[in-house]
């Protein structure tokens, strides 16, 4: 490998890919891998080398994440049933547990993505087009 951090190629994730957008039309997650089965939720980004800007994993249903065995820090966006951001955790290091009682889904993004994109509590996300 050339030393650059890359994620598992899209075709190898085995998850459906979607696009998440904010109400103002800005793309929050250009390539969102949907982890909506027990195995894919439990695995999340374990085994990946990193997440590219604009790439993420939506764990649904979920109210918490455990970054055991994750090789890189992530941002975690906690969403309620209506896909409204209820909490954010930035730069979550490996071997940490984060949760939000009100969350029903968690979007895992590369560390720093929430700041770069401008995601804030109260933002309501929705599905976009590729």
N, C-alpha and C. Protein backbone atom coordinates (compact mmCIF):
# COMPACT_ATOMS: atom_id res chain seq x y z
N UNK A 1 0.85 -1.19 0.00
CA UNK A 1 0.00 0.00 0.00
C UNK A 1 0.88 1.24 0.00
N UNK A 2 0.41 2.33 -0.53
CA UNK A 2 1.21 3.53 -0.68
C UNK A 2 1.22 4.43 0.55
N UNK A 3 0.62 4.02 1.65
CA UNK A 3 0.64 4.81 2.87
C UNK A 3 -0.54 5.76 3.01
N UNK A 4 -1.31 5.97 1.94
CA UNK A 4 -2.47 6.86 2.06
C UNK A 4 -3.63 6.12 2.70
N UNK A 5 -4.44 6.86 3.41
CA UNK A 5 -5.58 6.25 4.08
C UNK A 5 -6.74 6.19 3.11
N UNK A 6 -7.26 5.00 2.88
CA UNK A 6 -8.41 4.83 2.01
C UNK A 6 -9.41 3.92 2.69
N UNK A 7 -10.65 4.04 2.30
CA UNK A 7 -11.69 3.19 2.86
C UNK A 7 -11.82 1.93 2.01
N UNK A 8 -12.53 0.96 2.55
CA UNK A 8 -12.86 -0.22 1.78
C UNK A 8 -13.58 0.24 0.52
N UNK A 9 -13.22 -0.26 -0.66
CA UNK A 9 -13.91 0.17 -1.88
C UNK A 9 -15.42 -0.01 -1.75
N UNK A 10 -16.16 0.89 -2.38
CA UNK A 10 -17.62 0.89 -2.27
C UNK A 10 -18.22 -0.48 -2.57
N UNK A 11 -17.74 -1.13 -3.62
CA UNK A 11 -18.34 -2.40 -4.03
C UNK A 11 -18.09 -3.52 -3.03
N UNK A 12 -17.14 -3.35 -2.12
CA UNK A 12 -16.83 -4.41 -1.17
C UNK A 12 -17.55 -4.25 0.16
N UNK A 13 -18.22 -3.14 0.41
CA UNK A 13 -18.84 -2.95 1.72
C UNK A 13 -20.04 -3.86 1.91
N UNK A 14 -20.69 -4.30 0.82
CA UNK A 14 -21.86 -5.16 0.93
C UNK A 14 -23.08 -4.44 1.45
N UNK A 15 -23.03 -3.12 1.56
CA UNK A 15 -24.14 -2.33 2.07
C UNK A 15 -24.72 -1.48 0.94
N UNK A 16 -26.00 -1.18 1.05
CA UNK A 16 -26.65 -0.29 0.10
C UNK A 16 -26.05 1.10 0.26
N UNK A 17 -25.89 1.83 -0.86
CA UNK A 17 -25.33 3.17 -0.82
C UNK A 17 -26.42 4.20 -1.08
N UNK A 18 -26.44 5.25 -0.26
CA UNK A 18 -27.43 6.32 -0.36
C UNK A 18 -26.73 7.66 -0.28
N UNK A 19 -27.49 8.74 -0.44
CA UNK A 19 -26.98 10.10 -0.27
C UNK A 19 -27.82 10.77 0.80
N UNK A 20 -27.17 11.44 1.77
CA UNK A 20 -27.87 12.19 2.80
C UNK A 20 -27.65 13.67 2.58
N UNK A 21 -28.74 14.44 2.64
CA UNK A 21 -28.66 15.89 2.43
C UNK A 21 -29.33 16.63 3.57
N UNK A 22 -28.90 17.88 3.78
CA UNK A 22 -29.52 18.78 4.76
C UNK A 22 -30.69 19.49 4.08
N UNK A 23 -31.58 20.12 4.85
CA UNK A 23 -32.73 20.80 4.26
C UNK A 23 -32.36 21.88 3.25
N UNK A 24 -31.19 22.50 3.43
CA UNK A 24 -30.78 23.55 2.50
C UNK A 24 -30.15 23.00 1.22
N UNK A 25 -30.14 21.67 1.10
CA UNK A 25 -29.64 21.03 -0.11
C UNK A 25 -28.18 20.64 -0.08
N UNK A 26 -27.45 21.04 0.97
CA UNK A 26 -26.03 20.66 1.02
C UNK A 26 -25.92 19.18 1.33
N UNK A 27 -24.98 18.55 0.66
CA UNK A 27 -24.77 17.10 0.83
C UNK A 27 -23.99 16.87 2.12
N UNK A 28 -24.55 16.06 3.00
CA UNK A 28 -23.90 15.72 4.26
C UNK A 28 -23.07 14.46 4.10
N UNK A 29 -23.59 13.51 3.34
CA UNK A 29 -22.88 12.25 3.12
C UNK A 29 -23.15 11.82 1.67
N UNK A 30 -22.14 12.01 0.82
CA UNK A 30 -22.28 11.73 -0.60
C UNK A 30 -22.42 10.24 -0.89
N UNK A 31 -21.66 9.42 -0.17
CA UNK A 31 -21.74 7.97 -0.30
C UNK A 31 -21.99 7.43 1.10
N UNK A 32 -23.25 7.15 1.38
CA UNK A 32 -23.65 6.68 2.70
C UNK A 32 -23.97 5.20 2.63
N UNK A 33 -23.15 4.40 3.27
CA UNK A 33 -23.36 2.95 3.34
C UNK A 33 -24.41 2.70 4.42
N UNK A 34 -25.48 2.02 4.07
CA UNK A 34 -26.57 1.75 5.00
C UNK A 34 -26.35 0.42 5.71
N UNK A 35 -26.13 0.50 7.02
CA UNK A 35 -25.95 -0.70 7.85
C UNK A 35 -27.24 -0.91 8.65
N UNK A 36 -28.17 -1.65 8.07
CA UNK A 36 -29.48 -1.84 8.70
C UNK A 36 -29.77 -3.29 9.03
N UNK A 37 -28.75 -4.12 9.04
CA UNK A 37 -28.89 -5.52 9.45
C UNK A 37 -27.98 -5.74 10.65
N UNK A 38 -28.31 -6.70 11.50
CA UNK A 38 -27.49 -6.89 12.71
C UNK A 38 -25.99 -7.01 12.44
N UNK A 39 -25.62 -7.79 11.43
CA UNK A 39 -24.19 -7.98 11.15
C UNK A 39 -23.54 -6.69 10.66
N UNK A 40 -24.19 -5.97 9.76
CA UNK A 40 -23.58 -4.75 9.24
C UNK A 40 -23.54 -3.64 10.28
N UNK A 41 -24.56 -3.59 11.16
CA UNK A 41 -24.53 -2.60 12.26
C UNK A 41 -23.41 -2.91 13.23
N UNK A 42 -23.25 -4.17 13.57
CA UNK A 42 -22.22 -4.56 14.53
C UNK A 42 -20.82 -4.29 13.96
N UNK A 43 -20.64 -4.50 12.68
CA UNK A 43 -19.33 -4.31 12.07
C UNK A 43 -19.02 -2.84 11.81
N UNK A 44 -19.98 -2.08 11.31
CA UNK A 44 -19.73 -0.67 11.03
C UNK A 44 -18.49 -0.49 10.18
N UNK A 45 -17.51 0.27 10.68
CA UNK A 45 -16.27 0.52 9.92
C UNK A 45 -15.10 -0.31 10.44
N UNK A 46 -15.38 -1.33 11.24
CA UNK A 46 -14.32 -2.22 11.72
C UNK A 46 -13.66 -2.89 10.52
N UNK A 47 -12.36 -2.85 10.47
CA UNK A 47 -11.61 -3.45 9.38
C UNK A 47 -11.32 -2.47 8.25
N UNK A 48 -11.97 -1.33 8.23
CA UNK A 48 -11.71 -0.32 7.21
C UNK A 48 -10.42 0.42 7.59
N UNK A 49 -9.75 0.96 6.59
CA UNK A 49 -8.53 1.74 6.84
C UNK A 49 -8.83 3.21 7.06
N UNK A 50 -10.02 3.65 6.70
CA UNK A 50 -10.41 5.04 6.86
C UNK A 50 -11.69 5.32 6.11
N UNK A 51 -12.19 6.53 6.27
CA UNK A 51 -13.36 7.01 5.52
C UNK A 51 -12.90 8.20 4.69
N UNK A 52 -13.32 8.24 3.45
CA UNK A 52 -13.00 9.38 2.59
C UNK A 52 -13.91 10.54 2.92
N UNK A 53 -13.50 11.77 2.62
CA UNK A 53 -14.43 12.90 2.77
C UNK A 53 -15.69 12.63 1.95
N UNK A 54 -16.84 12.87 2.56
CA UNK A 54 -18.10 12.64 1.88
C UNK A 54 -18.64 11.23 2.01
N UNK A 55 -17.90 10.36 2.67
CA UNK A 55 -18.31 8.97 2.83
C UNK A 55 -18.69 8.72 4.29
N UNK A 56 -19.68 7.86 4.52
CA UNK A 56 -20.07 7.52 5.88
C UNK A 56 -20.84 6.22 5.94
N UNK A 57 -21.15 5.82 7.17
CA UNK A 57 -21.95 4.63 7.41
C UNK A 57 -23.10 5.02 8.32
N UNK A 58 -24.33 4.72 7.91
CA UNK A 58 -25.51 4.99 8.72
C UNK A 58 -25.94 3.70 9.38
N UNK A 59 -25.81 3.65 10.71
CA UNK A 59 -26.22 2.49 11.51
C UNK A 59 -27.66 2.73 11.94
N UNK A 60 -28.56 1.82 11.52
CA UNK A 60 -29.98 2.03 11.82
C UNK A 60 -30.68 0.71 11.99
N UNK A 61 -31.33 0.44 13.11
CA UNK A 61 -31.45 1.29 14.29
C UNK A 61 -30.22 1.20 15.17
N UNK A 62 -29.94 2.29 15.86
CA UNK A 62 -28.83 2.35 16.81
C UNK A 62 -28.94 3.61 17.64
N UNK A 63 -28.52 3.54 18.88
CA UNK A 63 -28.46 4.73 19.74
C UNK A 63 -27.06 4.91 20.31
N UNK A 64 -26.15 3.97 19.98
CA UNK A 64 -24.79 4.07 20.50
C UNK A 64 -23.80 3.47 19.50
N UNK A 65 -22.53 3.80 19.73
CA UNK A 65 -21.45 3.19 18.95
C UNK A 65 -20.33 2.80 19.91
N UNK A 66 -19.61 1.77 19.53
CA UNK A 66 -18.41 1.34 20.25
C UNK A 66 -17.31 1.27 19.20
N UNK A 67 -16.25 2.03 19.39
CA UNK A 67 -15.19 2.09 18.38
C UNK A 67 -14.06 1.09 18.65
N UNK A 68 -14.38 0.00 19.33
CA UNK A 68 -13.40 -1.07 19.54
C UNK A 68 -13.00 -1.62 18.17
N UNK A 69 -11.73 -1.82 17.97
CA UNK A 69 -11.17 -2.38 16.75
C UNK A 69 -11.26 -1.45 15.54
N UNK A 70 -11.76 -0.23 15.72
CA UNK A 70 -11.76 0.76 14.64
C UNK A 70 -10.37 1.39 14.61
N UNK A 71 -9.81 1.53 13.43
CA UNK A 71 -8.41 1.95 13.29
C UNK A 71 -8.19 3.45 13.22
N UNK A 72 -9.23 4.25 13.26
CA UNK A 72 -9.10 5.69 13.02
C UNK A 72 -10.20 6.43 13.77
N UNK A 73 -10.01 7.70 14.08
CA UNK A 73 -11.07 8.47 14.75
C UNK A 73 -12.21 8.79 13.78
N UNK A 74 -13.42 8.96 14.33
CA UNK A 74 -14.59 9.26 13.52
C UNK A 74 -15.41 10.37 14.18
N UNK A 75 -16.29 10.97 13.41
CA UNK A 75 -17.35 11.83 13.94
C UNK A 75 -18.61 10.99 13.97
N UNK A 76 -19.39 11.13 15.03
CA UNK A 76 -20.65 10.40 15.16
C UNK A 76 -21.80 11.40 15.23
N UNK A 77 -22.78 11.22 14.33
CA UNK A 77 -23.96 12.07 14.27
C UNK A 77 -25.13 11.22 14.72
N UNK A 78 -25.73 11.58 15.86
CA UNK A 78 -26.86 10.83 16.41
C UNK A 78 -28.16 11.44 15.89
N UNK A 79 -29.02 10.59 15.33
CA UNK A 79 -30.25 11.04 14.67
C UNK A 79 -31.48 10.41 15.33
N UNK A 80 -32.59 11.17 15.38
CA UNK A 80 -33.83 10.60 15.92
C UNK A 80 -34.62 9.92 14.79
N UNK A 81 -35.85 9.52 15.07
CA UNK A 81 -36.68 8.82 14.07
C UNK A 81 -36.91 9.64 12.80
N UNK A 82 -36.97 10.95 12.94
CA UNK A 82 -37.22 11.84 11.80
C UNK A 82 -35.92 12.27 11.11
N UNK A 83 -34.79 11.65 11.49
CA UNK A 83 -33.47 11.96 10.93
C UNK A 83 -33.00 13.36 11.31
N UNK A 84 -33.45 13.85 12.47
CA UNK A 84 -32.99 15.13 13.00
C UNK A 84 -31.78 14.88 13.90
N UNK A 85 -30.75 15.69 13.75
CA UNK A 85 -29.54 15.55 14.55
C UNK A 85 -29.87 15.91 16.00
N UNK A 86 -29.68 14.94 16.91
CA UNK A 86 -29.95 15.18 18.33
C UNK A 86 -28.65 15.35 19.13
N UNK A 87 -27.53 14.86 18.59
CA UNK A 87 -26.24 15.00 19.27
C UNK A 87 -25.12 14.74 18.28
N UNK A 88 -23.96 15.30 18.59
CA UNK A 88 -22.75 15.11 17.79
C UNK A 88 -21.60 14.75 18.70
N UNK A 89 -20.76 13.87 18.25
CA UNK A 89 -19.50 13.56 18.95
C UNK A 89 -18.40 13.65 17.90
N UNK A 90 -17.48 14.56 18.08
CA UNK A 90 -16.41 14.77 17.11
C UNK A 90 -15.13 14.07 17.53
N UNK A 91 -14.41 13.59 16.54
CA UNK A 91 -13.09 13.02 16.74
C UNK A 91 -13.09 11.91 17.80
N UNK A 92 -14.01 10.97 17.66
CA UNK A 92 -14.11 9.84 18.60
C UNK A 92 -12.98 8.87 18.30
N UNK A 93 -12.10 8.70 19.26
CA UNK A 93 -10.93 7.84 19.10
C UNK A 93 -11.33 6.36 19.21
N UNK A 94 -10.45 5.47 18.72
CA UNK A 94 -10.70 4.04 18.89
C UNK A 94 -10.86 3.67 20.37
N UNK A 95 -11.64 2.64 20.61
CA UNK A 95 -11.89 2.09 21.95
C UNK A 95 -12.71 3.02 22.84
N UNK A 96 -13.68 3.71 22.24
CA UNK A 96 -14.58 4.59 23.01
C UNK A 96 -16.03 4.16 22.79
N UNK A 97 -16.87 4.46 23.77
CA UNK A 97 -18.31 4.21 23.69
C UNK A 97 -19.01 5.56 23.75
N UNK A 98 -19.90 5.81 22.80
CA UNK A 98 -20.67 7.05 22.75
C UNK A 98 -22.12 6.69 22.50
N UNK A 99 -23.05 7.45 23.11
CA UNK A 99 -24.47 7.15 22.92
C UNK A 99 -25.31 8.40 23.13
N UNK A 100 -26.56 8.30 22.70
CA UNK A 100 -27.56 9.33 22.93
C UNK A 100 -28.90 8.61 23.10
N UNK A 101 -29.53 8.80 24.24
CA UNK A 101 -30.81 8.11 24.51
C UNK A 101 -31.87 8.41 23.47
N UNK A 102 -31.86 9.63 22.93
CA UNK A 102 -32.89 10.02 21.97
C UNK A 102 -32.62 9.53 20.55
N UNK A 103 -31.43 9.00 20.31
CA UNK A 103 -31.04 8.58 18.96
C UNK A 103 -31.71 7.28 18.55
N UNK A 104 -31.99 7.17 17.26
CA UNK A 104 -32.51 5.94 16.67
C UNK A 104 -31.62 5.49 15.52
N UNK A 105 -30.62 6.32 15.18
CA UNK A 105 -29.65 6.01 14.14
C UNK A 105 -28.37 6.79 14.43
N UNK A 106 -27.26 6.27 13.93
CA UNK A 106 -25.97 6.95 14.10
C UNK A 106 -25.26 6.97 12.75
N UNK A 107 -24.84 8.16 12.34
CA UNK A 107 -24.08 8.32 11.11
C UNK A 107 -22.61 8.46 11.49
N UNK A 108 -21.78 7.55 11.00
CA UNK A 108 -20.34 7.60 11.25
C UNK A 108 -19.67 8.25 10.05
N UNK A 109 -18.91 9.31 10.31
CA UNK A 109 -18.21 10.06 9.27
C UNK A 109 -16.73 10.14 9.64
N UNK A 110 -15.90 10.51 8.69
CA UNK A 110 -14.48 10.74 8.97
C UNK A 110 -14.35 11.86 10.00
N UNK A 111 -13.36 11.77 10.86
CA UNK A 111 -13.13 12.82 11.86
C UNK A 111 -12.96 14.17 11.17
N UNK A 112 -13.67 15.17 11.68
CA UNK A 112 -13.60 16.51 11.13
C UNK A 112 -14.69 16.82 10.11
N UNK A 113 -15.42 15.82 9.65
CA UNK A 113 -16.45 16.03 8.63
C UNK A 113 -17.60 16.90 9.14
N UNK A 114 -18.01 16.73 10.38
CA UNK A 114 -19.13 17.54 10.92
C UNK A 114 -18.78 19.02 10.86
N UNK A 115 -17.57 19.35 11.23
CA UNK A 115 -17.11 20.74 11.18
C UNK A 115 -17.02 21.22 9.74
N UNK A 116 -16.43 20.40 8.87
CA UNK A 116 -16.25 20.77 7.46
C UNK A 116 -17.59 21.01 6.76
N UNK A 117 -18.55 20.15 7.02
CA UNK A 117 -19.85 20.22 6.35
C UNK A 117 -20.77 21.23 7.03
N UNK A 118 -20.56 21.44 8.33
CA UNK A 118 -21.42 22.36 9.08
C UNK A 118 -22.67 21.70 9.61
N UNK A 119 -22.55 20.46 10.08
CA UNK A 119 -23.69 19.75 10.67
C UNK A 119 -23.85 20.20 12.12
N UNK A 120 -25.09 20.48 12.53
CA UNK A 120 -25.37 20.96 13.88
C UNK A 120 -26.62 20.27 14.44
N UNK A 121 -26.73 20.17 15.78
CA UNK A 121 -27.96 19.66 16.36
C UNK A 121 -29.15 20.47 15.85
N UNK A 122 -30.23 19.76 15.55
CA UNK A 122 -31.43 20.40 15.00
C UNK A 122 -31.53 20.28 13.49
N UNK A 123 -30.41 20.02 12.79
CA UNK A 123 -30.46 19.81 11.34
C UNK A 123 -31.25 18.55 11.06
N UNK A 124 -32.12 18.61 10.09
CA UNK A 124 -32.89 17.42 9.69
C UNK A 124 -32.37 16.93 8.35
N UNK A 125 -31.89 15.70 8.34
CA UNK A 125 -31.32 15.12 7.13
C UNK A 125 -32.38 14.37 6.35
N UNK A 126 -32.14 14.20 5.09
CA UNK A 126 -33.05 13.45 4.23
C UNK A 126 -32.29 12.76 3.14
N UNK A 127 -32.97 11.95 2.37
CA UNK A 127 -32.34 11.20 1.30
C UNK A 127 -32.25 12.07 0.06
N UNK A 128 -31.14 11.99 -0.61
CA UNK A 128 -30.93 12.75 -1.84
C UNK A 128 -30.76 11.81 -3.02
N UNK A 129 -30.38 12.38 -4.13
CA UNK A 129 -30.15 11.59 -5.35
C UNK A 129 -28.67 11.55 -5.66
N UNK A 130 -28.26 10.45 -6.28
CA UNK A 130 -26.86 10.33 -6.67
C UNK A 130 -26.62 10.99 -8.00
